[in-house]
Amino acid sequence: MDRCEHAVELKHKGYNCAQAVLCAFADKLDLSEEDLKKIGASLCKDLKGRDTGTVICECDDCVRNAVRISEGT
């Protein structure tokens, strides 16, 4: 499974978007998954349009895009 789909899988297991992306890179980072989850505990309310009603990017695509950017692809 590639890193993008691994991150999406984590998202579907209850991780928020930021946690899913961070934890998908756990093998490359010098932090525990628990610490990465704490770091990524914030929400993506602007992208989800929680205040505006306009969704800029769906969660799964947001996760994929963040991984791709992080990988430089």
Protein backbone atom coordinates (compact mmCIF):
# COMPACT_ATOMS: atom_id res chain seq x y z
CA MET A 1 0.00 0.00 0.00
CA ASP A 2 1.39 3.40 -0.86
CA ARG A 3 1.78 6.12 1.74
CA CYS A 4 -1.24 8.11 0.46
CA GLU A 5 -3.62 5.20 0.83
CA HIS A 6 -2.10 4.25 4.19
CA ALA A 7 -2.87 7.79 5.41
CA VAL A 8 -6.45 7.54 4.11
CA GLU A 9 -6.81 4.18 5.87
CA LEU A 10 -5.67 5.78 9.14
CA LYS A 11 -8.19 8.59 8.58
CA HIS A 12 -10.96 6.00 8.25
CA LYS A 13 -9.79 4.36 11.49
CA GLY A 14 -10.55 7.53 13.44
CA TYR A 15 -7.42 9.65 13.06
CA ASN A 16 -8.06 13.24 12.04
CA CYS A 17 -6.54 14.43 8.75
CA ALA A 18 -3.34 15.83 10.26
CA GLN A 19 -2.81 12.77 12.44
CA ALA A 20 -3.29 10.45 9.49
CA VAL A 21 -0.67 12.27 7.41
CA LEU A 22 1.84 12.52 10.25
CA CYS A 23 1.44 8.87 11.23
CA ALA A 24 1.80 7.76 7.60
CA PHE A 25 5.35 9.12 7.87
CA ALA A 26 6.06 7.48 11.25
CA ASP A 27 8.76 5.33 9.67
CA LYS A 28 10.62 8.48 8.59
CA LEU A 29 10.20 10.53 11.78
CA ASP A 30 11.97 10.21 15.10
CA LEU A 31 8.77 10.33 17.18
CA SER A 32 6.38 7.70 18.44
CA GLU A 33 2.98 7.34 16.80
CA GLU A 34 1.45 8.50 20.09
CA ASP A 35 3.48 11.73 19.93
CA LEU A 36 2.59 12.24 16.26
CA LYS A 37 -1.10 11.86 17.09
CA LYS A 38 -0.76 14.50 19.80
CA ILE A 39 0.99 16.90 17.42
CA GLY A 40 -1.75 16.42 14.82
CA ALA A 41 -4.69 16.82 17.17
CA SER A 42 -6.04 20.01 15.54
CA LEU A 43 -8.95 20.02 13.03
CA CYS A 44 -9.15 21.20 9.43
CA LYS A 45 -12.29 23.29 9.84
CA ASP A 46 -11.41 25.80 7.11
CA LEU A 47 -10.90 23.15 4.43
CA LYS A 48 -14.08 21.38 5.50
CA GLY A 49 -16.05 24.63 5.40
CA ARG A 50 -17.41 24.25 8.90
CA ASP A 51 -17.91 28.00 9.27
CA THR A 52 -18.63 28.88 5.63
CA GLY A 53 -20.52 25.84 4.37
CA THR A 54 -18.14 25.65 1.39
CA VAL A 55 -15.96 22.54 1.33
CA ILE A 56 -12.62 23.34 -0.29
CA CYS A 57 -11.22 19.82 -0.14
CA GLU A 58 -12.76 16.55 1.04
CA CYS A 59 -10.89 14.76 3.84
CA ASP A 60 -9.55 11.83 1.80
CA ASP A 61 -8.24 14.13 -0.94
CA CYS A 62 -6.77 16.50 1.63
CA VAL A 63 -4.87 13.60 3.20
CA ARG A 64 -3.63 12.38 -0.20
CA ASN A 65 -2.54 15.89 -1.22
CA ALA A 66 -0.67 16.46 2.04
CA VAL A 67 1.23 13.18 1.62
CA ARG A 68 2.07 13.97 -2.01
CA ILE A 69 3.34 17.42 -1.06
CA SER A 70 5.41 15.91 1.74
CA GLU A 71 6.88 13.37 -0.66
CA GLY A 72 7.60 16.05 -3.25
CA THR A 73 5.39 14.43 -5.90
